[in-house]
Amino acid sequence: MAGNIQMAEQISDGINSLKLEPLTEMLGFLTRVVQIQINDIVRGTEALTISPAVLAVLQLVGANPGIRQVQVARVLLIQESNLASLVKRLIADKLIERRGTPGGKRGGLWLTGGGTRLVDGAASLEHVLEDYLEVLSDDERRRLIDMLNRLYRAAL
């Protein structure tokens, strides 16, 4: 309840008198608001010239050279058909490449030099997002990340 009061106090002038409950008790609403804020921060920074979804694919491929496309889709909770078109675009943009296996089977995905540079350049984005989380203590940030990771892993 104390968090709700603080949230109400931070609402801009003209709407301070509005009752924010039940919105402040709705997980779906609150996660949507946070996602909108993060998207606004990402769009407002020069650190990222690609979408967060593309960055996630590149980071996953970079951390797991040779990862199969189906694994990327499962880990990122993306439909395989949607990922297929994204992978084609990333290959055309020379950010990733597909390497075959000796037996002629379709191989895994690998970052190219350009993909690696893009991922490395986007690392400063984490500092921008850390600024957004300054309203939380270090312990609260760790707990938030832990809770979000538990929810994510349950979805896998």
C-alpha atoms as a PDB file:
ATOM      1  CA  MET A   1       0.000   0.000   0.000  1.00  0.00           C
ATOM      2  CA  ALA A   2       2.865   2.413   0.759  1.00  0.00           C
ATOM      3  CA  GLY A   3       4.121   1.995  -2.829  1.00  0.00           C
ATOM      4  CA  ASN A   4       0.693   2.957  -4.121  1.00  0.00           C
ATOM      5  CA  ILE A   5       0.711   6.144  -2.070  1.00  0.00           C
ATOM      6  CA  GLN A   6       4.158   7.056  -3.382  1.00  0.00           C
ATOM      7  CA  MET A   7       2.996   6.366  -6.929  1.00  0.00           C
ATOM      8  CA  ALA A   8      -0.021   8.626  -6.448  1.00  0.00           C
ATOM      9  CA  GLU A   9       2.217  11.412  -5.112  1.00  0.00           C
ATOM     10  CA  GLN A  10       4.372  11.217  -8.238  1.00  0.00           C
ATOM     11  CA  ILE A  11       1.480  11.586 -10.682  1.00  0.00           C
ATOM     12  CA  SER A  12       1.754  14.852 -12.609  1.00  0.00           C
ATOM     13  CA  ASP A  13      -0.378  17.895 -11.758  1.00  0.00           C
ATOM     14  CA  GLY A  14      -4.037  17.816 -12.684  1.00  0.00           C
ATOM     15  CA  ILE A  15      -4.623  14.183 -11.862  1.00  0.00           C
ATOM     16  CA  ASN A  16      -3.325  13.974  -8.290  1.00  0.00           C
ATOM     17  CA  SER A  17      -6.850  13.662  -6.976  1.00  0.00           C
ATOM     18  CA  LEU A  18      -7.652  10.580  -9.056  1.00  0.00           C
ATOM     19  CA  LYS A  19      -7.980   7.261  -7.280  1.00  0.00           C
ATOM     20  CA  LEU A  20      -5.417   4.956  -8.908  1.00  0.00           C
ATOM     21  CA  GLU A  21      -6.654   1.748  -7.358  1.00  0.00           C
ATOM     22  CA  PRO A  22      -7.444  -0.823  -8.670  1.00  0.00           C
ATOM     23  CA  LEU A  23      -4.850  -0.062 -11.407  1.00  0.00           C
ATOM     24  CA  THR A  24      -1.986  -0.043  -8.898  1.00  0.00           C
ATOM     25  CA  GLU A  25      -3.005  -3.533  -7.802  1.00  0.00           C
ATOM     26  CA  MET A  26      -3.113  -5.007 -11.340  1.00  0.00           C
ATOM     27  CA  LEU A  27       0.022  -6.866 -12.379  1.00  0.00           C
ATOM     28  CA  GLY A  28      -0.860  -6.618 -16.083  1.00  0.00           C
ATOM     29  CA  PHE A  29      -1.268  -2.850 -15.912  1.00  0.00           C
ATOM     30  CA  LEU A  30       1.918  -2.313 -13.897  1.00  0.00           C
ATOM     31  CA  THR A  31       4.059  -4.488 -16.171  1.00  0.00           C
ATOM     32  CA  ARG A  32       2.647  -2.661 -19.199  1.00  0.00           C
ATOM     33  CA  VAL A  33       3.538   0.718 -17.678  1.00  0.00           C
ATOM     34  CA  VAL A  34       7.098  -0.425 -16.910  1.00  0.00           C
ATOM     35  CA  GLN A  35       7.487  -1.856 -20.434  1.00  0.00           C
ATOM     36  CA  ILE A  36       6.292   1.425 -21.967  1.00  0.00           C
ATOM     37  CA  GLN A  37       8.755   3.369 -19.816  1.00  0.00           C
ATOM     38  CA  ILE A  38      11.648   1.064 -20.735  1.00  0.00           C
ATOM     39  CA  ASN A  39      10.756   1.286 -24.436  1.00  0.00           C
ATOM     40  CA  ASP A  40      10.720   5.092 -24.175  1.00  0.00           C
ATOM     41  CA  ILE A  41      14.135   5.048 -22.505  1.00  0.00           C
ATOM     42  CA  VAL A  42      15.534   2.715 -25.165  1.00  0.00           C
ATOM     43  CA  ARG A  43      14.158   4.847 -28.005  1.00  0.00           C
ATOM     44  CA  GLY A  44      15.576   7.967 -26.390  1.00  0.00           C
ATOM     45  CA  THR A  45      19.145   6.731 -26.225  1.00  0.00           C
ATOM     46  CA  GLU A  46      21.779   6.706 -28.927  1.00  0.00           C
ATOM     47  CA  ALA A  47      23.134   3.479 -27.438  1.00  0.00           C
ATOM     48  CA  LEU A  48      20.743   1.307 -29.388  1.00  0.00           C
ATOM     49  CA  THR A  49      20.039   1.527 -33.091  1.00  0.00           C
ATOM     50  CA  ILE A  50      18.088  -1.750 -33.219  1.00  0.00           C
ATOM     51  CA  SER A  51      15.013  -3.058 -31.470  1.00  0.00           C
ATOM     52  CA  PRO A  52      15.310  -4.771 -28.086  1.00  0.00           C
ATOM     53  CA  ALA A  53      14.021  -7.985 -29.738  1.00  0.00           C
ATOM     54  CA  VAL A  54      16.832  -7.948 -32.305  1.00  0.00           C
ATOM     55  CA  LEU A  55      19.345  -7.184 -29.573  1.00  0.00           C
ATOM     56  CA  ALA A  56      18.071 -10.154 -27.555  1.00  0.00           C
ATOM     57  CA  VAL A  57      18.579 -12.463 -30.541  1.00  0.00           C
ATOM     58  CA  LEU A  58      22.080 -11.114 -31.146  1.00  0.00           C
ATOM     59  CA  GLN A  59      23.029 -11.377 -27.470  1.00  0.00           C
ATOM     60  CA  LEU A  60      21.756 -14.954 -27.254  1.00  0.00           C
ATOM     61  CA  VAL A  61      23.600 -15.993 -30.431  1.00  0.00           C
ATOM     62  CA  GLY A  62      26.752 -14.239 -29.217  1.00  0.00           C
ATOM     63  CA  ALA A  63      26.624 -16.023 -25.862  1.00  0.00           C
ATOM     64  CA  ASN A  64      25.886 -19.376 -27.530  1.00  0.00           C
ATOM     65  CA  PRO A  65      27.815 -19.652 -30.816  1.00  0.00           C
ATOM     66  CA  GLY A  66      26.275 -22.340 -33.004  1.00  0.00           C
ATOM     67  CA  ILE A  67      22.861 -22.166 -31.314  1.00  0.00           C
ATOM     68  CA  ARG A  68      20.072 -23.579 -33.440  1.00  0.00           C
ATOM     69  CA  GLN A  69      17.262 -21.329 -34.605  1.00  0.00           C
ATOM     70  CA  VAL A  70      14.637 -23.446 -32.832  1.00  0.00           C
ATOM     71  CA  GLN A  71      16.529 -22.972 -29.559  1.00  0.00           C
ATOM     72  CA  VAL A  72      16.572 -19.199 -30.033  1.00  0.00           C
ATOM     73  CA  ALA A  73      12.809 -19.206 -30.597  1.00  0.00           C
ATOM     74  CA  ARG A  74      12.168 -21.270 -27.487  1.00  0.00           C
ATOM     75  CA  VAL A  75      14.450 -19.263 -25.213  1.00  0.00           C
ATOM     76  CA  LEU A  76      13.106 -15.901 -26.399  1.00  0.00           C
ATOM     77  CA  LEU A  77       9.489 -17.114 -26.510  1.00  0.00           C
ATOM     78  CA  ILE A  78       9.198 -16.145 -30.189  1.00  0.00           C
ATOM     79  CA  GLN A  79       7.179 -18.085 -32.750  1.00  0.00           C
ATOM     80  CA  GLU A  80       9.539 -19.964 -35.052  1.00  0.00           C
ATOM     81  CA  SER A  81       7.927 -18.473 -38.172  1.00  0.00           C
ATOM     82  CA  ASN A  82       8.483 -14.925 -36.866  1.00  0.00           C
ATOM     83  CA  LEU A  83      12.058 -15.726 -35.935  1.00  0.00           C
ATOM     84  CA  ALA A  84      12.742 -17.221 -39.380  1.00  0.00           C
ATOM     85  CA  SER A  85      12.038 -13.908 -41.114  1.00  0.00           C
ATOM     86  CA  LEU A  86      14.079 -12.030 -38.513  1.00  0.00           C
ATOM     87  CA  VAL A  87      17.030 -14.404 -38.970  1.00  0.00           C
ATOM     88  CA  LYS A  88      16.869 -13.924 -42.746  1.00  0.00           C
ATOM     89  CA  ARG A  89      17.036 -10.169 -42.244  1.00  0.00           C
ATOM     90  CA  LEU A  90      19.920 -10.427 -39.759  1.00  0.00           C
ATOM     91  CA  ILE A  91      21.824 -12.652 -42.206  1.00  0.00           C
ATOM     92  CA  ALA A  92      21.145 -10.176 -45.039  1.00  0.00           C
ATOM     93  CA  ASP A  93      22.358  -7.343 -42.768  1.00  0.00           C
ATOM     94  CA  LYS A  94      25.518  -9.383 -42.083  1.00  0.00           C
ATOM     95  CA  LEU A  95      24.918  -9.405 -38.321  1.00  0.00           C
ATOM     96  CA  ILE A  96      24.689 -13.186 -38.019  1.00  0.00           C
ATOM     97  CA  GLU A  97      25.577 -16.102 -40.240  1.00  0.00           C
ATOM     98  CA  ARG A  98      24.432 -19.681 -40.507  1.00  0.00           C
ATOM     99  CA  ARG A  99      27.173 -22.265 -40.605  1.00  0.00           C
ATOM    100  CA  GLY A 100      26.479 -25.757 -41.881  1.00  0.00           C
ATOM    101  CA  THR A 101      27.694 -28.958 -40.325  1.00  0.00           C
ATOM    102  CA  PRO A 102      30.016 -31.451 -42.029  1.00  0.00           C
ATOM    103  CA  GLY A 103      27.129 -33.877 -42.621  1.00  0.00           C
ATOM    104  CA  GLY A 104      25.301 -31.260 -44.679  1.00  0.00           C
ATOM    105  CA  LYS A 105      22.714 -30.652 -41.976  1.00  0.00           C
ATOM    106  CA  ARG A 106      21.578 -27.155 -41.311  1.00  0.00           C
ATOM    107  CA  GLY A 107      23.938 -25.690 -38.759  1.00  0.00           C
ATOM    108  CA  GLY A 108      23.699 -23.133 -36.072  1.00  0.00           C
ATOM    109  CA  LEU A 109      23.809 -19.362 -35.888  1.00  0.00           C
ATOM    110  CA  TRP A 110      26.931 -17.310 -35.254  1.00  0.00           C
ATOM    111  CA  LEU A 111      27.532 -13.596 -34.762  1.00  0.00           C
ATOM    112  CA  THR A 112      29.560 -11.839 -37.420  1.00  0.00           C
ATOM    113  CA  GLY A 113      32.033  -9.090 -36.597  1.00  0.00           C
ATOM    114  CA  GLY A 114      29.311  -6.534 -37.293  1.00  0.00           C
ATOM    115  CA  GLY A 115      26.908  -8.308 -34.957  1.00  0.00           C
ATOM    116  CA  THR A 116      29.537  -8.437 -32.227  1.00  0.00           C
ATOM    117  CA  ARG A 117      30.243  -4.714 -32.573  1.00  0.00           C
ATOM    118  CA  LEU A 118      26.521  -3.932 -32.376  1.00  0.00           C
ATOM    119  CA  VAL A 119      26.083  -6.019 -29.219  1.00  0.00           C
ATOM    120  CA  ASP A 120      29.180  -4.465 -27.641  1.00  0.00           C
ATOM    121  CA  GLY A 121      27.939  -0.962 -28.478  1.00  0.00           C
ATOM    122  CA  ALA A 122      24.559  -1.649 -26.906  1.00  0.00           C
ATOM    123  CA  ALA A 123      26.159  -2.580 -23.580  1.00  0.00           C
ATOM    124  CA  SER A 124      25.901   1.063 -22.470  1.00  0.00           C
ATOM    125  CA  LEU A 125      22.129   0.651 -22.605  1.00  0.00           C
ATOM    126  CA  GLU A 126      22.282  -1.287 -19.336  1.00  0.00           C
ATOM    127  CA  HIS A 127      23.700   1.809 -17.622  1.00  0.00           C
ATOM    128  CA  VAL A 128      20.760   3.859 -18.889  1.00  0.00           C
ATOM    129  CA  LEU A 129      18.316   1.290 -17.541  1.00  0.00           C
ATOM    130  CA  GLU A 130      20.176   1.236 -14.219  1.00  0.00           C
ATOM    131  CA  ASP A 131      19.384   4.947 -13.915  1.00  0.00           C
ATOM    132  CA  TYR A 132      15.698   4.098 -14.370  1.00  0.00           C
ATOM    133  CA  LEU A 133      15.929   1.653 -11.469  1.00  0.00           C
ATOM    134  CA  GLU A 134      17.555   4.154  -9.098  1.00  0.00           C
ATOM    135  CA  VAL A 135      14.265   4.414  -7.201  1.00  0.00           C
ATOM    136  CA  LEU A 136      14.958   0.877  -5.945  1.00  0.00           C
ATOM    137  CA  SER A 137      17.624  -0.086  -3.420  1.00  0.00           C
ATOM    138  CA  ASP A 138      20.338  -2.534  -4.495  1.00  0.00           C
ATOM    139  CA  ASP A 139      18.559  -5.293  -2.583  1.00  0.00           C
ATOM    140  CA  GLU A 140      15.220  -4.453  -4.229  1.00  0.00           C
ATOM    141  CA  ARG A 141      16.847  -4.536  -7.680  1.00  0.00           C
ATOM    142  CA  ARG A 142      18.377  -7.948  -6.997  1.00  0.00           C
ATOM    143  CA  ARG A 143      15.041  -9.257  -5.713  1.00  0.00           C
ATOM    144  CA  LEU A 144      13.198  -7.828  -8.729  1.00  0.00           C
ATOM    145  CA  ILE A 145      15.630  -9.461 -11.156  1.00  0.00           C
ATOM    146  CA  ASP A 146      15.382 -12.735  -9.220  1.00  0.00           C
ATOM    147  CA  MET A 147      11.580 -12.691  -9.280  1.00  0.00           C
ATOM    148  CA  LEU A 148      11.445 -11.819 -12.985  1.00  0.00           C
ATOM    149  CA  ASN A 149      13.922 -14.612 -13.740  1.00  0.00           C
ATOM    150  CA  ARG A 150      11.779 -17.113 -11.836  1.00  0.00           C
ATOM    151  CA  LEU A 151       8.720 -16.077 -13.837  1.00  0.00           C
ATOM    152  CA  TYR A 152      10.693 -16.253 -17.089  1.00  0.00           C
ATOM    153  CA  ARG A 153      12.107 -19.697 -16.347  1.00  0.00           C
ATOM    154  CA  ALA A 154       8.633 -20.964 -15.463  1.00  0.00           C
ATOM    155  CA  ALA A 155       7.509 -19.887 -18.944  1.00  0.00           C
ATOM    156  CA  LEU A 156      10.222 -21.928 -20.667  1.00  0.00           C
END
